[in-house]
Amino acid sequence: MARFEHHVFVCVNERSSEDPRGCCASAGGGEIRGWFSEELKARGLKRRIRSNKAGCLDLCARGPVVVVYPEGVWYSPRSRSDVQRIVEEHLVDGNPVAALRIPRT
């Protein structure tokens, strides 16, 4: 079994549109997950970094929610360029992207 340098968990949890917490699926979680996969593949990183779908990560109102391990850095990317920044700056260069982080509360 491969050992990855990073795991990127992207919430794709789906709730009813009536749920006041919202959900990452309706906030674009599936699209964000796809962008991570595409970006990792395009850069030849799929053997080093794994992007996974995740169920609820309990920060629904901040969605879409992404967490990168082993560092435990939480993000709320909104666009393809946000995903590209996380891949380049955090996953490749080792510098978490402060502007996209979800602050600890």
PDB file of N, CA and C in Angstrom:
ATOM      1  N   MET A   1       0.846  -1.193   0.000  1.00  0.00           N
ATOM      2  CA  MET A   1       0.000   0.000   0.000  1.00  0.00           C
ATOM      3  C   MET A   1       0.884   1.246   0.000  1.00  0.00           C
ATOM      4  N   ALA A   2       0.517   2.207  -0.808  1.00  0.00           N
ATOM      5  CA  ALA A   2       1.289   3.444  -0.922  1.00  0.00           C
ATOM      6  C   ALA A   2       1.174   4.278   0.357  1.00  0.00           C
ATOM      7  N   ARG A   3       2.251   4.976   0.656  1.00  0.00           N
ATOM      8  CA  ARG A   3       2.241   5.920   1.771  1.00  0.00           C
ATOM      9  C   ARG A   3       2.324   7.302   1.166  1.00  0.00           C
ATOM     10  N   PHE A   4       1.359   8.113   1.478  1.00  0.00           N
ATOM     11  CA  PHE A   4       1.278   9.443   0.893  1.00  0.00           C
ATOM     12  C   PHE A   4       1.874  10.488   1.821  1.00  0.00           C
ATOM     13  N   GLU A   5       2.442  11.522   1.216  1.00  0.00           N
ATOM     14  CA  GLU A   5       2.989  12.640   1.992  1.00  0.00           C
ATOM     15  C   GLU A   5       1.873  13.475   2.599  1.00  0.00           C
ATOM     16  N   HIS A   6       0.767  13.610   1.857  1.00  0.00           N
ATOM     17  CA  HIS A   6      -0.382  14.392   2.310  1.00  0.00           C
ATOM     18  C   HIS A   6      -1.667  13.679   1.917  1.00  0.00           C
ATOM     19  N   HIS A   7      -2.671  13.870   2.741  1.00  0.00           N
ATOM     20  CA  HIS A   7      -4.039  13.502   2.388  1.00  0.00           C
ATOM     21  C   HIS A   7      -4.861  14.783   2.421  1.00  0.00           C
ATOM     22  N   VAL A   8      -5.628  15.013   1.370  1.00  0.00           N
ATOM     23  CA  VAL A   8      -6.502  16.178   1.276  1.00  0.00           C
ATOM     24  C   VAL A   8      -7.932  15.653   1.336  1.00  0.00           C
ATOM     25  N   PHE A   9      -8.611  15.938   2.437  1.00  0.00           N
ATOM     26  CA  PHE A   9      -9.993  15.494   2.603  1.00  0.00           C
ATOM     27  C   PHE A   9     -10.925  16.646   2.252  1.00  0.00           C
ATOM     28  N   VAL A  10     -11.808  16.417   1.285  1.00  0.00           N
ATOM     29  CA  VAL A  10     -12.736  17.437   0.811  1.00  0.00           C
ATOM     30  C   VAL A  10     -14.149  16.992   1.172  1.00  0.00           C
ATOM     31  N   CYS A  11     -14.824  17.794   1.972  1.00  0.00           N
ATOM     32  CA  CYS A  11     -16.187  17.448   2.358  1.00  0.00           C
ATOM     33  C   CYS A  11     -17.127  17.565   1.158  1.00  0.00           C
ATOM     34  N   VAL A  12     -17.873  16.503   0.924  1.00  0.00           N
ATOM     35  CA  VAL A  12     -18.899  16.492  -0.115  1.00  0.00           C
ATOM     36  C   VAL A  12     -20.245  16.091   0.488  1.00  0.00           C
ATOM     37  N   ASN A  13     -20.355  16.261   1.814  1.00  0.00           N
ATOM     38  CA  ASN A  13     -21.578  15.883   2.522  1.00  0.00           C
ATOM     39  C   ASN A  13     -22.779  16.660   1.985  1.00  0.00           C
ATOM     40  N   GLU A  14     -23.906  15.976   1.880  1.00  0.00           N
ATOM     41  CA  GLU A  14     -25.119  16.586   1.335  1.00  0.00           C
ATOM     42  C   GLU A  14     -26.252  16.493   2.347  1.00  0.00           C
ATOM     43  N   ARG A  15     -26.894  17.640   2.578  1.00  0.00           N
ATOM     44  CA  ARG A  15     -28.056  17.724   3.463  1.00  0.00           C
ATOM     45  C   ARG A  15     -29.221  18.321   2.701  1.00  0.00           C
ATOM     46  N   SER A  16     -30.361  18.217   3.294  1.00  0.00           N
ATOM     47  CA  SER A  16     -31.563  18.829   2.737  1.00  0.00           C
ATOM     48  C   SER A  16     -31.360  20.338   2.635  1.00  0.00           C
ATOM     49  N   SER A  17     -31.953  20.946   1.622  1.00  0.00           N
ATOM     50  CA  SER A  17     -31.840  22.400   1.456  1.00  0.00           C
ATOM     51  C   SER A  17     -32.517  23.150   2.604  1.00  0.00           C
ATOM     52  N   GLU A  18     -33.349  22.466   3.366  1.00  0.00           N
ATOM     53  CA  GLU A  18     -34.025  23.091   4.511  1.00  0.00           C
ATOM     54  C   GLU A  18     -33.182  23.070   5.778  1.00  0.00           C
ATOM     55  N   ASP A  19     -32.077  22.339   5.774  1.00  0.00           N
ATOM     56  CA  ASP A  19     -31.233  22.246   6.958  1.00  0.00           C
ATOM     57  C   ASP A  19     -30.515  23.581   7.157  1.00  0.00           C
ATOM     58  N   PRO A  20     -30.669  24.211   8.314  1.00  0.00           N
ATOM     59  CA  PRO A  20     -30.066  25.526   8.544  1.00  0.00           C
ATOM     60  C   PRO A  20     -28.534  25.520   8.570  1.00  0.00           C
ATOM     61  N   ARG A  21     -27.930  24.344   8.744  1.00  0.00           N
ATOM     62  CA  ARG A  21     -26.467  24.277   8.782  1.00  0.00           C
ATOM     63  C   ARG A  21     -25.855  24.382   7.385  1.00  0.00           C
ATOM     64  N   GLY A  22     -26.662  24.138   6.352  1.00  0.00           N
ATOM     65  CA  GLY A  22     -26.125  24.107   4.998  1.00  0.00           C
ATOM     66  C   GLY A  22     -25.322  22.842   4.787  1.00  0.00           C
ATOM     67  N   CYS A  23     -24.640  22.756   3.662  1.00  0.00           N
ATOM     68  CA  CYS A  23     -23.793  21.588   3.414  1.00  0.00           C
ATOM     69  C   CYS A  23     -22.729  21.922   2.377  1.00  0.00           C
ATOM     70  N   CYS A  24     -21.658  21.180   2.446  1.00  0.00           N
ATOM     71  CA  CYS A  24     -20.540  21.426   1.529  1.00  0.00           C
ATOM     72  C   CYS A  24     -20.881  21.034   0.097  1.00  0.00           C
ATOM     73  N   ALA A  25     -21.754  20.054  -0.081  1.00  0.00           N
ATOM     74  CA  ALA A  25     -22.133  19.654  -1.444  1.00  0.00           C
ATOM     75  C   ALA A  25     -22.756  20.833  -2.181  1.00  0.00           C
ATOM     76  N   SER A  26     -23.685  21.532  -1.543  1.00  0.00           N
ATOM     77  CA  SER A  26     -24.336  22.660  -2.214  1.00  0.00           C
ATOM     78  C   SER A  26     -23.426  23.884  -2.310  1.00  0.00           C
ATOM     79  N   ALA A  27     -22.339  23.891  -1.524  1.00  0.00           N
ATOM     80  CA  ALA A  27     -21.375  24.999  -1.577  1.00  0.00           C
ATOM     81  C   ALA A  27     -20.248  24.723  -2.572  1.00  0.00           C
ATOM     82  N   GLY A  28     -20.337  23.601  -3.299  1.00  0.00           N
ATOM     83  CA  GLY A  28     -19.347  23.305  -4.325  1.00  0.00           C
ATOM     84  C   GLY A  28     -18.307  22.272  -3.940  1.00  0.00           C
ATOM     85  N   GLY A  29     -18.558  21.488  -2.906  1.00  0.00           N
ATOM     86  CA  GLY A  29     -17.588  20.492  -2.450  1.00  0.00           C
ATOM     87  C   GLY A  29     -17.165  19.505  -3.530  1.00  0.00           C
ATOM     88  N   GLY A  30     -18.118  19.034  -4.329  1.00  0.00           N
ATOM     89  CA  GLY A  30     -17.794  18.090  -5.391  1.00  0.00           C
ATOM     90  C   GLY A  30     -16.884  18.701  -6.439  1.00  0.00           C
ATOM     91  N   GLU A  31     -17.153  19.931  -6.787  1.00  0.00           N
ATOM     92  CA  GLU A  31     -16.336  20.640  -7.767  1.00  0.00           C
ATOM     93  C   GLU A  31     -14.920  20.871  -7.221  1.00  0.00           C
ATOM     94  N   ILE A  32     -14.829  21.271  -5.961  1.00  0.00           N
ATOM     95  CA  ILE A  32     -13.531  21.474  -5.314  1.00  0.00           C
ATOM     96  C   ILE A  32     -12.743  20.163  -5.320  1.00  0.00           C
ATOM     97  N   ARG A  33     -13.407  19.065  -4.972  1.00  0.00           N
ATOM     98  CA  ARG A  33     -12.746  17.748  -4.967  1.00  0.00           C
ATOM     99  C   ARG A  33     -12.211  17.415  -6.359  1.00  0.00           C
ATOM    100  N   GLY A  34     -13.010  17.672  -7.383  1.00  0.00           N
ATOM    101  CA  GLY A  34     -12.576  17.425  -8.756  1.00  0.00           C
ATOM    102  C   GLY A  34     -11.371  18.260  -9.148  1.00  0.00           C
ATOM    103  N   TRP A  35     -11.380  19.516  -8.743  1.00  0.00           N
ATOM    104  CA  TRP A  35     -10.247  20.392  -9.058  1.00  0.00           C
ATOM    105  C   TRP A  35      -8.960  19.910  -8.402  1.00  0.00           C
ATOM    106  N   PHE A  36      -9.062  19.442  -7.132  1.00  0.00           N
ATOM    107  CA  PHE A  36      -7.867  18.891  -6.480  1.00  0.00           C
ATOM    108  C   PHE A  36      -7.344  17.693  -7.263  1.00  0.00           C
ATOM    109  N   SER A  37      -8.224  16.778  -7.637  1.00  0.00           N
ATOM    110  CA  SER A  37      -7.794  15.597  -8.393  1.00  0.00           C
ATOM    111  C   SER A  37      -7.136  15.987  -9.710  1.00  0.00           C
ATOM    112  N   GLU A  38      -7.756  16.913 -10.431  1.00  0.00           N
ATOM    113  CA  GLU A  38      -7.202  17.359 -11.714  1.00  0.00           C
ATOM    114  C   GLU A  38      -5.833  18.012 -11.536  1.00  0.00           C
ATOM    115  N   GLU A  39      -5.715  18.857 -10.537  1.00  0.00           N
ATOM    116  CA  GLU A  39      -4.469  19.583 -10.303  1.00  0.00           C
ATOM    117  C   GLU A  39      -3.346  18.624  -9.900  1.00  0.00           C
ATOM    118  N   LEU A  40      -3.651  17.678  -9.018  1.00  0.00           N
ATOM    119  CA  LEU A  40      -2.638  16.715  -8.594  1.00  0.00           C
ATOM    120  C   LEU A  40      -2.185  15.845  -9.763  1.00  0.00           C
ATOM    121  N   LYS A  41      -3.128  15.431 -10.592  1.00  0.00           N
ATOM    122  CA  LYS A  41      -2.792  14.612 -11.757  1.00  0.00           C
ATOM    123  C   LYS A  41      -1.938  15.404 -12.751  1.00  0.00           C
ATOM    124  N   ALA A  42      -2.338  16.641 -13.033  1.00  0.00           N
ATOM    125  CA  ALA A  42      -1.617  17.475 -13.999  1.00  0.00           C
ATOM    126  C   ALA A  42      -0.173  17.733 -13.569  1.00  0.00           C
ATOM    127  N   ARG A  43       0.059  17.780 -12.269  1.00  0.00           N
ATOM    128  CA  ARG A  43       1.405  18.057 -11.743  1.00  0.00           C
ATOM    129  C   ARG A  43       2.199  16.779 -11.460  1.00  0.00           C
ATOM    130  N   GLY A  44       1.615  15.624 -11.748  1.00  0.00           N
ATOM    131  CA  GLY A  44       2.304  14.360 -11.495  1.00  0.00           C
ATOM    132  C   GLY A  44       2.468  14.033 -10.026  1.00  0.00           C
ATOM    133  N   LEU A  45       1.509  14.471  -9.200  1.00  0.00           N
ATOM    134  CA  LEU A  45       1.612  14.305  -7.746  1.00  0.00           C
ATOM    135  C   LEU A  45       0.724  13.199  -7.187  1.00  0.00           C
ATOM    136  N   LYS A  46      -0.006  12.486  -8.032  1.00  0.00           N
ATOM    137  CA  LYS A  46      -0.997  11.524  -7.540  1.00  0.00           C
ATOM    138  C   LYS A  46      -0.380  10.366  -6.749  1.00  0.00           C
ATOM    139  N   ARG A  47       0.877  10.064  -6.946  1.00  0.00           N
ATOM    140  CA  ARG A  47       1.525   9.004  -6.168  1.00  0.00           C
ATOM    141  C   ARG A  47       2.034   9.515  -4.813  1.00  0.00           C
ATOM    142  N   ARG A  48       2.118  10.838  -4.661  1.00  0.00           N
ATOM    143  CA  ARG A  48       2.620  11.436  -3.418  1.00  0.00           C
ATOM    144  C   ARG A  48       1.531  12.030  -2.552  1.00  0.00           C
ATOM    145  N   ILE A  49       0.446  12.501  -3.188  1.00  0.00           N
ATOM    146  CA  ILE A  49      -0.614  13.215  -2.469  1.00  0.00           C
ATOM    147  C   ILE A  49      -1.952  12.629  -2.889  1.00  0.00           C
ATOM    148  N   ARG A  50      -2.799  12.335  -1.916  1.00  0.00           N
ATOM    149  CA  ARG A  50      -4.103  11.749  -2.217  1.00  0.00           C
ATOM    150  C   ARG A  50      -5.212  12.724  -1.841  1.00  0.00           C
ATOM    151  N   SER A  51      -6.132  12.934  -2.767  1.00  0.00           N
ATOM    152  CA  SER A  51      -7.338  13.728  -2.532  1.00  0.00           C
ATOM    153  C   SER A  51      -8.494  12.763  -2.325  1.00  0.00           C
ATOM    154  N   ASN A  52      -9.174  12.903  -1.181  1.00  0.00           N
ATOM    155  CA  ASN A  52     -10.262  12.009  -0.829  1.00  0.00           C
ATOM    156  C   ASN A  52     -11.558  12.762  -0.582  1.00  0.00           C
ATOM    157  N   LYS A  53     -12.665  12.115  -0.911  1.00  0.00           N
ATOM    158  CA  LYS A  53     -13.972  12.631  -0.513  1.00  0.00           C
ATOM    159  C   LYS A  53     -14.130  12.372   0.980  1.00  0.00           C
ATOM    160  N   ALA A  54     -14.780  13.307   1.651  1.00  0.00           N
ATOM    161  CA  ALA A  54     -15.058  13.135   3.081  1.00  0.00           C
ATOM    162  C   ALA A  54     -16.525  13.411   3.337  1.00  0.00           C
ATOM    163  N   GLY A  55     -17.039  12.779   4.367  1.00  0.00           N
ATOM    164  CA  GLY A  55     -18.363  13.116   4.848  1.00  0.00           C
ATOM    165  C   GLY A  55     -18.260  14.386   5.672  1.00  0.00           C
ATOM    166  N   CYS A  56     -19.241  14.647   6.479  1.00  0.00           N
ATOM    167  CA  CYS A  56     -19.308  15.890   7.235  1.00  0.00           C
ATOM    168  C   CYS A  56     -18.079  16.089   8.116  1.00  0.00           C
ATOM    169  N   LEU A  57     -17.490  17.270   8.025  1.00  0.00           N
ATOM    170  CA  LEU A  57     -16.344  17.656   8.849  1.00  0.00           C
ATOM    171  C   LEU A  57     -16.749  18.657   9.937  1.00  0.00           C
ATOM    172  N   ASP A  58     -18.053  18.863  10.102  1.00  0.00           N
ATOM    173  CA  ASP A  58     -18.638  19.674  11.179  1.00  0.00           C
ATOM    174  C   ASP A  58     -18.318  21.164  11.142  1.00  0.00           C
ATOM    175  N   LEU A  59     -17.998  21.694   9.987  1.00  0.00           N
ATOM    176  CA  LEU A  59     -17.861  23.142   9.824  1.00  0.00           C
ATOM    177  C   LEU A  59     -18.741  23.572   8.653  1.00  0.00           C
ATOM    178  N   CYS A  60     -19.960  23.086   8.647  1.00  0.00           N
ATOM    179  CA  CYS A  60     -20.879  23.223   7.519  1.00  0.00           C
ATOM    180  C   CYS A  60     -21.053  24.666   7.043  1.00  0.00           C
ATOM    181  N   ALA A  61     -21.171  25.590   7.955  1.00  0.00           N
ATOM    182  CA  ALA A  61     -21.396  26.984   7.592  1.00  0.00           C
ATOM    183  C   ALA A  61     -20.185  27.614   6.917  1.00  0.00           C
ATOM    184  N   ARG A  62     -19.016  26.972   7.026  1.00  0.00           N
ATOM    185  CA  ARG A  62     -17.790  27.501   6.422  1.00  0.00           C
ATOM    186  C   ARG A  62     -17.494  26.869   5.065  1.00  0.00           C
ATOM    187  N   GLY A  63     -18.372  25.967   4.625  1.00  0.00           N
ATOM    188  CA  GLY A  63     -18.124  25.158   3.431  1.00  0.00           C
ATOM    189  C   GLY A  63     -17.967  25.933   2.150  1.00  0.00           C
ATOM    190  N   PRO A  64     -17.304  25.319   1.198  1.00  0.00           N
ATOM    191  CA  PRO A  64     -16.793  23.956   1.248  1.00  0.00           C
ATOM    192  C   PRO A  64     -15.546  23.857   2.127  1.00  0.00           C
ATOM    193  N   VAL A  65     -15.446  22.746   2.848  1.00  0.00           N
ATOM    194  CA  VAL A  65     -14.379  22.564   3.817  1.00  0.00           C
ATOM    195  C   VAL A  65     -13.396  21.506   3.320  1.00  0.00           C
ATOM    196  N   VAL A  66     -12.104  21.819   3.490  1.00  0.00           N
ATOM    197  CA  VAL A  66     -11.007  20.929   3.116  1.00  0.00           C
ATOM    198  C   VAL A  66     -10.055  20.871   4.299  1.00  0.00           C
ATOM    199  N   VAL A  67      -9.543  19.685   4.606  1.00  0.00           N
ATOM    200  CA  VAL A  67      -8.511  19.565   5.636  1.00  0.00           C
ATOM    201  C   VAL A  67      -7.346  18.772   5.054  1.00  0.00           C
ATOM    202  N   VAL A  68      -6.137  19.287   5.299  1.00  0.00           N
ATOM    203  CA  VAL A  68      -4.914  18.668   4.789  1.00  0.00           C
ATOM    204  C   VAL A  68      -4.171  18.030   5.958  1.00  0.00           C
ATOM    205  N   TYR A  69      -3.881  16.741   5.811  1.00  0.00           N
ATOM    206  CA  TYR A  69      -3.098  16.012   6.804  1.00  0.00           C
ATOM    207  C   TYR A  69      -1.789  15.560   6.182  1.00  0.00           C
ATOM    208  N   PRO A  70      -0.704  15.472   6.951  1.00  0.00           N
ATOM    209  CA  PRO A  70      -0.709  15.309   8.393  1.00  0.00           C
ATOM    210  C   PRO A  70      -0.723  16.606   9.188  1.00  0.00           C
ATOM    211  N   GLU A  71      -0.663  17.764   8.540  1.00  0.00           N
ATOM    212  CA  GLU A  71      -0.572  19.034   9.276  1.00  0.00           C
ATOM    213  C   GLU A  71      -1.853  19.409  10.003  1.00  0.00           C
ATOM    214  N   GLY A  72      -3.005  18.937   9.525  1.00  0.00           N
ATOM    215  CA  GLY A  72      -4.267  19.322  10.141  1.00  0.00           C
ATOM    216  C   GLY A  72      -4.648  20.756   9.838  1.00  0.00           C
ATOM    217  N   VAL A  73      -4.357  21.224   8.625  1.00  0.00           N
ATOM    218  CA  VAL A  73      -4.686  22.588   8.212  1.00  0.00           C
ATOM    219  C   VAL A  73      -6.045  22.574   7.513  1.00  0.00           C
ATOM    220  N   TRP A  74      -6.934  23.438   7.963  1.00  0.00           N
ATOM    221  CA  TRP A  74      -8.303  23.511   7.444  1.00  0.00           C
ATOM    222  C   TRP A  74      -8.448  24.706   6.517  1.00  0.00           C
ATOM    223  N   TYR A  75      -9.093  24.462   5.373  1.00  0.00           N
ATOM    224  CA  TYR A  75      -9.285  25.499   4.363  1.00  0.00           C
ATOM    225  C   TYR A  75     -10.749  25.576   3.929  1.00  0.00           C
ATOM    226  N   SER A  76     -11.070  26.724   3.338  1.00  0.00           N
ATOM    227  CA  SER A  76     -12.365  26.899   2.678  1.00  0.00           C
ATOM    228  C   SER A  76     -12.118  27.519   1.303  1.00  0.00           C
ATOM    229  N   PRO A  77     -11.636  26.683   0.346  1.00  0.00           N
ATOM    230  CA  PRO A  77     -11.393  27.213  -0.998  1.00  0.00           C
ATOM    231  C   PRO A  77     -12.699  27.470  -1.733  1.00  0.00           C
ATOM    232  N   ARG A  78     -12.736  28.508  -2.549  1.00  0.00           N
ATOM    233  CA  ARG A  78     -13.953  28.894  -3.274  1.00  0.00           C
ATOM    234  C   ARG A  78     -13.817  28.794  -4.787  1.00  0.00           C
ATOM    235  N   SER A  79     -12.598  28.607  -5.282  1.00  0.00           N
ATOM    236  CA  SER A  79     -12.390  28.647  -6.730  1.00  0.00           C
ATOM    237  C   SER A  79     -11.256  27.703  -7.134  1.00  0.00           C
ATOM    238  N   ARG A  80     -11.148  27.496  -8.440  1.00  0.00           N
ATOM    239  CA  ARG A  80     -10.049  26.680  -8.970  1.00  0.00           C
ATOM    240  C   ARG A  80      -8.707  27.320  -8.608  1.00  0.00           C
ATOM    241  N   SER A  81      -8.631  28.634  -8.661  1.00  0.00           N
ATOM    242  CA  SER A  81      -7.365  29.296  -8.321  1.00  0.00           C
ATOM    243  C   SER A  81      -7.017  29.112  -6.843  1.00  0.00           C
ATOM    244  N   ASP A  82      -8.019  29.040  -5.962  1.00  0.00           N
ATOM    245  CA  ASP A  82      -7.761  28.737  -4.547  1.00  0.00           C
ATOM    246  C   ASP A  82      -7.148  27.341  -4.414  1.00  0.00           C
ATOM    247  N   VAL A  83      -7.714  26.378  -5.133  1.00  0.00           N
ATOM    248  CA  VAL A  83      -7.195  25.010  -5.109  1.00  0.00           C
ATOM    249  C   VAL A  83      -5.760  24.996  -5.629  1.00  0.00           C
ATOM    250  N   GLN A  84      -5.488  25.702  -6.708  1.00  0.00           N
ATOM    251  CA  GLN A  84      -4.138  25.766  -7.266  1.00  0.00           C
ATOM    252  C   GLN A  84      -3.152  26.357  -6.262  1.00  0.00           C
ATOM    253  N   ARG A  85      -3.583  27.370  -5.533  1.00  0.00           N
ATOM    254  CA  ARG A  85      -2.716  27.980  -4.505  1.00  0.00           C
ATOM    255  C   ARG A  85      -2.400  26.980  -3.405  1.00  0.00           C
ATOM    256  N   ILE A  86      -3.403  26.238  -2.945  1.00  0.00           N
ATOM    257  CA  ILE A  86      -3.183  25.252  -1.882  1.00  0.00           C
ATOM    258  C   ILE A  86      -2.214  24.181  -2.360  1.00  0.00           C
ATOM    259  N   VAL A  87      -2.407  23.698  -3.581  1.00  0.00           N
ATOM    260  CA  VAL A  87      -1.511  22.676  -4.116  1.00  0.00           C
ATOM    261  C   VAL A  87      -0.092  23.224  -4.227  1.00  0.00           C
ATOM    262  N   GLU A  88       0.080  24.378  -4.851  1.00  0.00           N
ATOM    263  CA  GLU A  88       1.410  24.932  -5.076  1.00  0.00           C
ATOM    264  C   GLU A  88       2.092  25.365  -3.783  1.00  0.00           C
ATOM    265  N   GLU A  89       1.396  26.203  -3.011  1.00  0.00           N
ATOM    266  CA  GLU A  89       2.037  26.800  -1.847  1.00  0.00           C
ATOM    267  C   GLU A  89       2.139  25.845  -0.659  1.00  0.00           C
ATOM    268  N   HIS A  90       1.073  25.096  -0.393  1.00  0.00           N
ATOM    269  CA  HIS A  90       1.097  24.215   0.776  1.00  0.00           C
ATOM    270  C   HIS A  90       1.654  22.836   0.436  1.00  0.00           C
ATOM    271  N   LEU A  91       1.034  22.156  -0.523  1.00  0.00           N
ATOM    272  CA  LEU A  91       1.399  20.766  -0.773  1.00  0.00           C
ATOM    273  C   LEU A  91       2.761  20.612  -1.444  1.00  0.00           C
ATOM    274  N   VAL A  92       3.134  21.535  -2.320  1.00  0.00           N
ATOM    275  CA  VAL A  92       4.429  21.455  -3.002  1.00  0.00           C
ATOM    276  C   VAL A  92       5.514  22.192  -2.214  1.00  0.00           C
ATOM    277  N   ASP A  93       5.252  23.455  -1.849  1.00  0.00           N
ATOM    278  CA  ASP A  93       6.276  24.276  -1.197  1.00  0.00           C
ATOM    279  C   ASP A  93       6.309  24.161   0.330  1.00  0.00           C
ATOM    280  N   GLY A  94       5.253  23.602   0.946  1.00  0.00           N
ATOM    281  CA  GLY A  94       5.238  23.412   2.394  1.00  0.00           C
ATOM    282  C   GLY A  94       4.807  24.610   3.207  1.00  0.00           C
ATOM    283  N   ASN A  95       4.165  25.595   2.552  1.00  0.00           N
ATOM    284  CA  ASN A  95       3.725  26.805   3.255  1.00  0.00           C
ATOM    285  C   ASN A  95       2.208  26.916   3.212  1.00  0.00           C
ATOM    286  N   PRO A  96       1.509  26.631   4.325  1.00  0.00           N
ATOM    287  CA  PRO A  96       0.062  26.767   4.322  1.00  0.00           C
ATOM    288  C   PRO A  96      -0.377  28.160   3.864  1.00  0.00           C
ATOM    289  N   VAL A  97      -1.512  28.221   3.195  1.00  0.00           N
ATOM    290  CA  VAL A  97      -2.021  29.459   2.609  1.00  0.00           C
ATOM    291  C   VAL A  97      -2.900  30.167   3.647  1.00  0.00           C
ATOM    292  N   ALA A  98      -2.324  31.123   4.332  1.00  0.00           N
ATOM    293  CA  ALA A  98      -3.005  31.801   5.437  1.00  0.00           C
ATOM    294  C   ALA A  98      -4.335  32.418   5.011  1.00  0.00           C
ATOM    295  N   ALA A  99      -4.391  33.006   3.829  1.00  0.00           N
ATOM    296  CA  ALA A  99      -5.595  33.705   3.368  1.00  0.00           C
ATOM    297  C   ALA A  99      -6.783  32.766   3.163  1.00  0.00           C
ATOM    298  N   LEU A 100      -6.544  31.479   3.007  1.00  0.00           N
ATOM    299  CA  LEU A 100      -7.626  30.518   2.748  1.00  0.00           C
ATOM    300  C   LEU A 100      -7.937  29.632   3.953  1.00  0.00           C
ATOM    301  N   ARG A 101      -7.172  29.782   5.017  1.00  0.00           N
ATOM    302  CA  ARG A 101      -7.358  28.932   6.203  1.00  0.00           C
ATOM    303  C   ARG A 101      -8.624  29.286   6.940  1.00  0.00           C
ATOM    304  N   ILE A 102      -9.192  28.275   7.564  1.00  0.00           N
ATOM    305  CA  ILE A 102     -10.304  28.479   8.489  1.00  0.00           C
ATOM    306  C   ILE A 102      -9.661  28.622   9.862  1.00  0.00           C
ATOM    307  N   PRO A 103      -9.864  29.758  10.512  1.00  0.00           N
ATOM    308  CA  PRO A 103      -9.211  29.967  11.814  1.00  0.00           C
ATOM    309  C   PRO A 103      -9.775  29.024  12.879  1.00  0.00           C
ATOM    310  N   ARG A 104      -8.917  28.656  13.802  1.00  0.00           N
ATOM    311  CA  ARG A 104      -9.363  27.838  14.939  1.00  0.00           C
ATOM    312  C   ARG A 104     -10.255  28.695  15.831  1.00  0.00           C
ATOM    313  N   THR A 105     -11.359  28.113  16.250  1.00  0.00           N
ATOM    314  CA  THR A 105     -12.256  28.860  17.135  1.00  0.00           C
ATOM    315  C   THR A 105     -12.475  28.127  18.417  1.00  0.00           C
TER     316      THR A 105
END
